[in-house]
Each structure stands twice: as C-alpha cells, then as structure tokens.
C-alpha cells in the first residue's frame, strides 16, 4: 500500500542511505548543498499528521519545512511550536488572493497581518502559495503588485527555485505524476528538466521521469538514478496507516482528480 506512514519512513530511510543531505527551504536558498533533498510539507488540513511527520523526521535526524495556512484545520500554536522545537522550519502557506476575493490591496493587508501573527510564534523567512483548484485566483499573482522581500521573506518555491536544475516531486492528487490533474501545483515542462539536452550530463542526473508511486521513487534512489537536487512536497493529511481513512482519502482524491481534469480542460 502506498501513502502510508510505513511507506513514508521507508522513503526517508532510502534517501538517507543514498547519501542525500536534508535541508530546509531557507537553508537551501542560503547555502544549497550539492546533493540534497528539500522536504516541503503543505499543512492544508489534519495538522496532527504534520506533527507526526515532524516527529518521524526528528527521530531520523532529518529537517524539513512546514507551511501553515491560517485556518483552524492547519494553524495551531502548540503544533507549530513543537515542530519548531524539533528543528524544522515554519513557513506561511498563503491564500489571501482567495480570501480577499481578488482584491489586491485587501489581499496584501491580510497577508501582512497573517505573517505578523505567525511571526509572534516563530521566525518565518519563507512562504509558499496554497493552490485551491476551485478558486479562479492564483495566489501568486499578489506578487505582480508587491514584493515579499520587503517583508523580510527570502523565498517562495515557485519563484526562487530553478526547477530546470531541481527536480520537483509532489504528491498532489495522491500520486507523484499528477501534472495532468494539478491546476497550480506544477512547475513547467518536464522536457526542460534535469537531464534534458539543455543540461550538463552528470552521473547523478537522469532524465526527468514521471514517478507514479512512492516505490518508483524508492527504486530510483536505490539505483542512484535520481538527480542531485530534489524538492519533495508532501500533504501529510494524505498519509495514514489506518485502513478506513486510507480508503476514504483514496476515493476522495480520485473524485477530486476528475473535477480538476475538467477544470484544466476548460
């Protein structure tokens, strides 16, 4: 079974055995390691799942980045404090273009207010947009009018990582090859990715392949066919060992994928 806690632990263990360094997003921006995994977690819902992920990583001496929304199913002071205490990075998972109904000025005011609220708990240097597929607004469009660096933010993945050099893998759609069912959580053409004709060859750089399952990523790590620099994005609410929640998530995500395909085509 995929998307279980057991499979998640196996993935981390294999990546660690493959001699990858683990950096937070902020660390990667400031001093990127040559062979590195950036573990990004979008805390959309079920915040205690994210806390479990953070505890697992800490037990393996691995650090990751956790991006929190400012909604009750995500934002939790005690959860955020514990994740920080375990050595992980906290970022802001913003969606104020959605909540402001596309009003640019209101969206920026909400963003600044929420960032200040989060910073009362922990240091925040990075942000990442929340991409609601049913919204007609792209939250990243806020930065067509404002500059997040003026607020002391050093990076946003969709703007500050060169994904022609860094392999991007996300479990969006409860699958690792969800490009066709992702409305916004994607970074461009695979043909322009690592290992393409425009890139220098390297023993650790393979053509960018669409991995469907976690096992395929694990096998690629074991065979040393993964590229040197990777951002892995997780939505922890999708990962569980419990049979009924696992089945419920499987059915729900498959239904959502059908809707998202229709949105993309339209």
Protein backbone atom coordinates (compact mmCIF):
# COMPACT_ATOMS: atom_id res chain seq x y z
CA UNK A 1 0.00 0.00 0.00
CA UNK A 2 1.22 3.47 -0.90
CA UNK A 3 0.72 6.73 1.01
CA UNK A 4 1.11 5.08 4.41
CA UNK A 5 3.31 6.16 7.31
CA UNK A 6 5.26 2.94 6.86
CA UNK A 7 5.97 3.81 3.22
CA UNK A 8 6.92 7.37 4.18
CA UNK A 9 9.50 6.09 6.67
CA UNK A 10 10.88 3.72 4.06
CA UNK A 11 11.26 6.57 1.56
CA UNK A 12 13.17 8.75 4.04
CA UNK A 13 15.40 5.85 5.06
CA UNK A 14 16.31 5.03 1.46
CA UNK A 15 17.03 8.68 0.61
CA UNK A 16 19.23 8.97 3.68
CA UNK A 17 21.10 5.78 2.72
CA UNK A 18 21.60 7.29 -0.74
CA UNK A 19 23.82 9.95 0.88
CA UNK A 20 21.48 12.89 0.41
CA UNK A 21 21.74 15.88 2.71
CA UNK A 22 18.41 17.20 4.01
CA UNK A 23 17.96 20.97 4.12
CA UNK A 24 15.05 23.24 4.94
CA UNK A 25 13.90 25.51 2.16
CA UNK A 26 15.56 28.52 3.80
CA UNK A 27 18.84 26.64 4.21
CA UNK A 28 18.74 25.59 0.58
CA UNK A 29 18.25 29.18 -0.56
CA UNK A 30 21.07 30.47 1.59
CA UNK A 31 23.64 27.72 1.02
CA UNK A 32 22.43 24.85 -1.19
CA UNK A 33 24.15 21.50 -0.75
CA UNK A 34 25.33 19.71 -3.88
CA UNK A 35 23.36 16.54 -3.18
CA UNK A 36 20.25 17.49 -1.30
CA UNK A 37 16.60 16.80 -0.54
CA UNK A 38 14.31 19.68 0.46
CA UNK A 39 11.32 18.22 2.30
CA UNK A 40 8.39 20.58 1.94
CA UNK A 41 5.10 19.96 3.75
CA UNK A 42 1.93 21.88 2.93
CA UNK A 43 -0.18 21.74 6.09
CA UNK A 44 -3.56 22.09 4.42
CA UNK A 45 -5.55 20.04 6.95
CA UNK A 46 -5.17 17.40 9.69
CA UNK A 47 -2.37 19.33 11.40
CA UNK A 48 -1.54 16.42 13.72
CA UNK A 49 -0.50 14.36 10.70
CA UNK A 50 2.14 17.00 10.03
CA UNK A 51 3.26 16.83 13.64
CA UNK A 52 3.70 13.09 13.26
CA UNK A 53 5.81 13.64 10.15
CA UNK A 54 7.95 16.15 12.06
CA UNK A 55 8.50 13.68 14.90
CA UNK A 56 9.48 10.91 12.48
CA UNK A 57 11.99 13.16 10.75
CA UNK A 58 13.47 14.37 14.04
CA UNK A 59 13.97 10.76 15.16
CA UNK A 60 15.98 10.23 11.95
CA UNK A 61 17.93 13.50 12.37
CA UNK A 62 16.25 14.95 9.29
CA UNK A 63 14.99 18.52 8.94
CA UNK A 64 12.08 19.73 6.81
CA UNK A 65 9.92 22.79 6.08
CA UNK A 66 6.27 23.08 7.14
CA UNK A 67 3.99 25.68 5.55
CA UNK A 68 0.90 26.52 7.60
CA UNK A 69 -2.37 28.03 6.41
CA UNK A 70 -4.15 30.50 8.70
CA UNK A 71 -7.25 28.32 9.11
CA UNK A 72 -8.29 26.18 12.07
CA UNK A 73 -7.56 22.86 10.38
CA UNK A 74 -3.95 23.97 9.90
CA UNK A 75 -2.91 26.80 12.22
CA UNK A 76 -2.25 25.56 15.77
CA UNK A 77 0.15 27.31 18.13
CA UNK A 78 1.20 24.21 20.05
CA UNK A 79 1.72 22.16 16.89
CA UNK A 80 3.80 24.93 15.35
CA UNK A 81 5.89 25.36 18.50
CA UNK A 82 6.63 21.64 18.76
CA UNK A 83 7.58 21.31 15.09
CA UNK A 84 9.94 24.26 15.51
CA UNK A 85 11.41 22.76 18.70
CA UNK A 86 12.25 19.63 16.75
CA UNK A 87 14.48 21.64 14.43
CA UNK A 88 12.18 22.17 11.46
CA UNK A 89 11.39 25.34 9.53
CA UNK A 90 7.98 27.03 9.64
CA UNK A 91 6.68 28.97 6.64
CA UNK A 92 3.45 30.70 5.69
CA UNK A 93 1.11 28.85 3.29
CA UNK A 94 -0.70 31.92 1.98
CA UNK A 95 -4.03 32.14 0.14
CA UNK A 96 -5.08 35.76 0.57
CA UNK A 97 -5.99 36.37 -3.06
CA UNK A 98 -8.66 33.72 -2.49
CA UNK A 99 -9.84 35.05 0.86
CA UNK A 100 -9.86 38.64 -0.40
CA UNK A 101 -11.87 37.73 -3.48
CA UNK A 102 -9.17 39.04 -5.81
CA UNK A 103 -8.90 42.45 -4.12
CA UNK A 104 -5.15 43.13 -4.38
CA UNK A 105 -4.87 45.69 -1.58
CA UNK A 106 -7.01 43.67 0.80
CA UNK A 107 -5.04 40.52 -0.06
CA UNK A 108 -1.75 42.21 0.83
CA UNK A 109 -3.18 43.58 4.08
CA UNK A 110 -4.36 40.10 5.04
CA UNK A 111 -1.02 38.60 4.06
CA UNK A 112 0.89 41.10 6.22
CA UNK A 113 -1.47 40.60 9.15
CA UNK A 114 -1.23 36.79 8.98
CA UNK A 115 2.54 36.86 8.60
CA UNK A 116 2.82 39.05 11.69
CA UNK A 117 0.58 36.63 13.63
CA UNK A 118 2.74 33.67 12.64
CA UNK A 119 5.94 35.53 13.47
CA UNK A 120 4.73 36.11 17.02
CA UNK A 121 5.24 32.36 17.46
CA UNK A 122 8.31 31.56 15.35
CA UNK A 123 10.77 33.02 12.88
CA UNK A 124 9.37 32.97 9.34
CA UNK A 125 11.63 33.59 6.34
CA UNK A 126 9.86 31.67 3.57
CA UNK A 127 6.37 31.41 2.09
CA UNK A 128 4.54 29.14 -0.34
CA UNK A 129 1.22 29.67 -2.06
CA UNK A 130 -1.80 27.48 -1.39
CA UNK A 131 -3.33 26.46 -4.70
CA UNK A 132 -7.04 25.86 -4.37
CA UNK A 133 -8.13 24.22 -7.66
CA UNK A 134 -11.69 25.57 -7.42
CA UNK A 135 -10.61 29.19 -7.00
CA UNK A 136 -10.33 31.44 -10.03
CA UNK A 137 -7.49 33.33 -8.32
CA UNK A 138 -3.83 32.38 -8.37
CA UNK A 139 -2.41 33.45 -5.00
CA UNK A 140 0.99 34.06 -6.59
CA UNK A 141 -0.48 36.96 -8.59
CA UNK A 142 -0.22 39.05 -5.41
CA UNK A 143 3.48 39.45 -6.19
CA UNK A 144 2.74 41.11 -9.52
CA UNK A 145 1.96 44.16 -7.38
CA UNK A 146 4.06 43.74 -4.22
CA UNK A 147 7.50 42.44 -3.23
CA UNK A 148 7.59 39.87 -0.42
CA UNK A 149 11.28 40.58 0.14
CA UNK A 150 10.30 43.93 1.61
CA UNK A 151 8.64 41.94 4.40
CA UNK A 152 11.81 40.02 5.20
CA UNK A 153 10.85 36.95 3.16
CA UNK A 154 13.80 35.34 1.37
CA UNK A 155 11.96 32.92 -0.86
CA UNK A 156 8.85 31.36 -2.41
CA UNK A 157 9.44 27.99 -4.13
CA UNK A 158 7.60 28.86 -7.34
CA UNK A 159 9.71 31.99 -7.80
CA UNK A 160 13.05 31.24 -6.14
CA UNK A 161 13.97 27.71 -7.19
CA UNK A 162 15.30 26.94 -10.65
CA UNK A 163 13.26 23.84 -11.42
CA UNK A 164 15.28 23.27 -14.55
CA UNK A 165 18.00 22.16 -12.12
CA UNK A 166 15.98 20.95 -9.15
CA UNK A 167 13.63 18.00 -9.62
CA UNK A 168 10.17 18.80 -8.25
CA UNK A 169 8.05 15.92 -6.99
CA UNK A 170 4.69 16.45 -5.30
CA UNK A 171 2.02 14.08 -4.02
CA UNK A 172 -0.72 16.37 -5.34
CA UNK A 173 -3.68 14.26 -6.42
CA UNK A 174 -2.38 11.41 -4.23
CA UNK A 175 0.07 10.44 -6.93
CA UNK A 176 3.58 11.53 -7.88
CA UNK A 177 2.86 12.13 -11.56
CA UNK A 178 -0.11 14.42 -11.00
CA UNK A 179 0.78 17.06 -13.60
CA UNK A 180 -2.36 16.36 -15.61
CA UNK A 181 -4.61 16.66 -12.56
CA UNK A 182 -2.88 19.61 -10.91
CA UNK A 183 -4.32 23.04 -11.54
CA UNK A 184 -1.50 25.06 -9.94
CA UNK A 185 0.98 22.80 -8.09
CA UNK A 186 3.32 22.29 -11.04
CA UNK A 187 6.49 23.92 -12.24
CA UNK A 188 6.58 23.60 -16.01
CA UNK A 189 7.53 21.19 -18.73
CA UNK A 190 9.36 18.00 -17.85
CA UNK A 191 11.23 18.25 -21.15
CA UNK A 192 13.09 21.26 -19.77
CA UNK A 193 14.02 19.46 -16.57
CA UNK A 194 17.11 17.81 -15.20
CA UNK A 195 18.92 15.66 -17.71
CA UNK A 196 17.41 17.28 -20.77
CA UNK A 197 19.54 18.23 -23.74
CA UNK A 198 19.95 21.72 -22.29
CA UNK A 199 21.60 20.39 -19.10
CA UNK A 200 25.16 19.23 -18.48
CA UNK A 201 25.47 15.49 -18.01
CA UNK A 202 26.24 14.12 -14.53
CA UNK A 203 26.35 10.62 -13.01
CA UNK A 204 23.64 11.77 -10.58
CA UNK A 205 21.40 13.42 -13.16
CA UNK A 206 18.92 11.30 -15.03
CA UNK A 207 16.17 12.35 -17.45
CA UNK A 208 13.20 13.70 -15.57
CA UNK A 209 10.83 10.78 -15.24
CA UNK A 210 7.23 10.73 -14.09
CA UNK A 211 7.21 8.57 -10.97
CA UNK A 212 3.72 7.23 -10.31
CA UNK A 213 4.26 5.59 -6.93
CA UNK A 214 6.47 6.06 -3.89
CA UNK A 215 8.01 2.67 -4.66
CA UNK A 216 9.21 4.00 -8.01
CA UNK A 217 10.97 6.89 -6.26
CA UNK A 218 12.48 4.46 -3.76
CA UNK A 219 13.73 2.20 -6.57
CA UNK A 220 15.24 5.19 -8.37
CA UNK A 221 17.09 6.19 -5.19
CA UNK A 222 18.40 2.66 -4.70
CA UNK A 223 19.64 2.53 -8.31
CA UNK A 224 21.19 6.02 -7.94
CA UNK A 225 19.17 7.36 -10.87
CA UNK A 226 17.67 10.34 -9.07
CA UNK A 227 19.16 13.81 -9.69
CA UNK A 228 21.33 15.53 -7.12
CA UNK A 229 18.86 18.20 -6.01
CA UNK A 230 15.20 17.45 -5.30
CA UNK A 231 12.25 19.20 -3.66
CA UNK A 232 9.72 16.68 -2.35
CA UNK A 233 6.35 18.17 -1.47
CA UNK A 234 4.04 16.28 0.88
CA UNK A 235 0.47 16.88 2.02
CA UNK A 236 0.57 14.90 5.29
CA UNK A 237 -3.22 14.57 5.51
CA UNK A 238 -2.97 12.05 2.66
CA UNK A 239 -0.68 9.64 4.56
CA UNK A 240 -2.05 7.14 7.09
CA UNK A 241 -1.74 3.53 8.21
CA UNK A 242 -5.40 3.33 9.22
CA UNK A 243 -7.47 1.37 6.65
CA UNK A 244 -10.70 3.40 6.70
CA UNK A 245 -9.09 6.88 6.46
CA UNK A 246 -6.75 5.47 3.80
CA UNK A 247 -9.68 4.26 1.67
CA UNK A 248 -11.61 7.48 2.25
CA UNK A 249 -8.64 9.57 1.10
CA UNK A 250 -8.16 7.35 -1.96
CA UNK A 251 -11.79 7.73 -3.05
CA UNK A 252 -11.92 11.47 -2.29
CA UNK A 253 -8.72 12.26 -4.18
CA UNK A 254 -9.81 10.23 -7.22
CA UNK A 255 -13.08 12.19 -7.29
CA UNK A 256 -11.18 15.48 -6.99
CA UNK A 257 -8.85 14.47 -9.81
CA UNK A 258 -11.81 14.04 -12.14
CA UNK A 259 -13.02 17.55 -11.31
CA UNK A 260 -9.54 19.03 -11.72
CA UNK A 261 -9.16 17.41 -15.14
CA UNK A 262 -12.37 19.13 -16.20
CA UNK A 263 -11.13 22.48 -14.86
CA UNK A 264 -7.83 22.13 -16.71
CA UNK A 265 -9.54 21.25 -20.00
CA UNK A 266 -11.94 24.16 -19.64
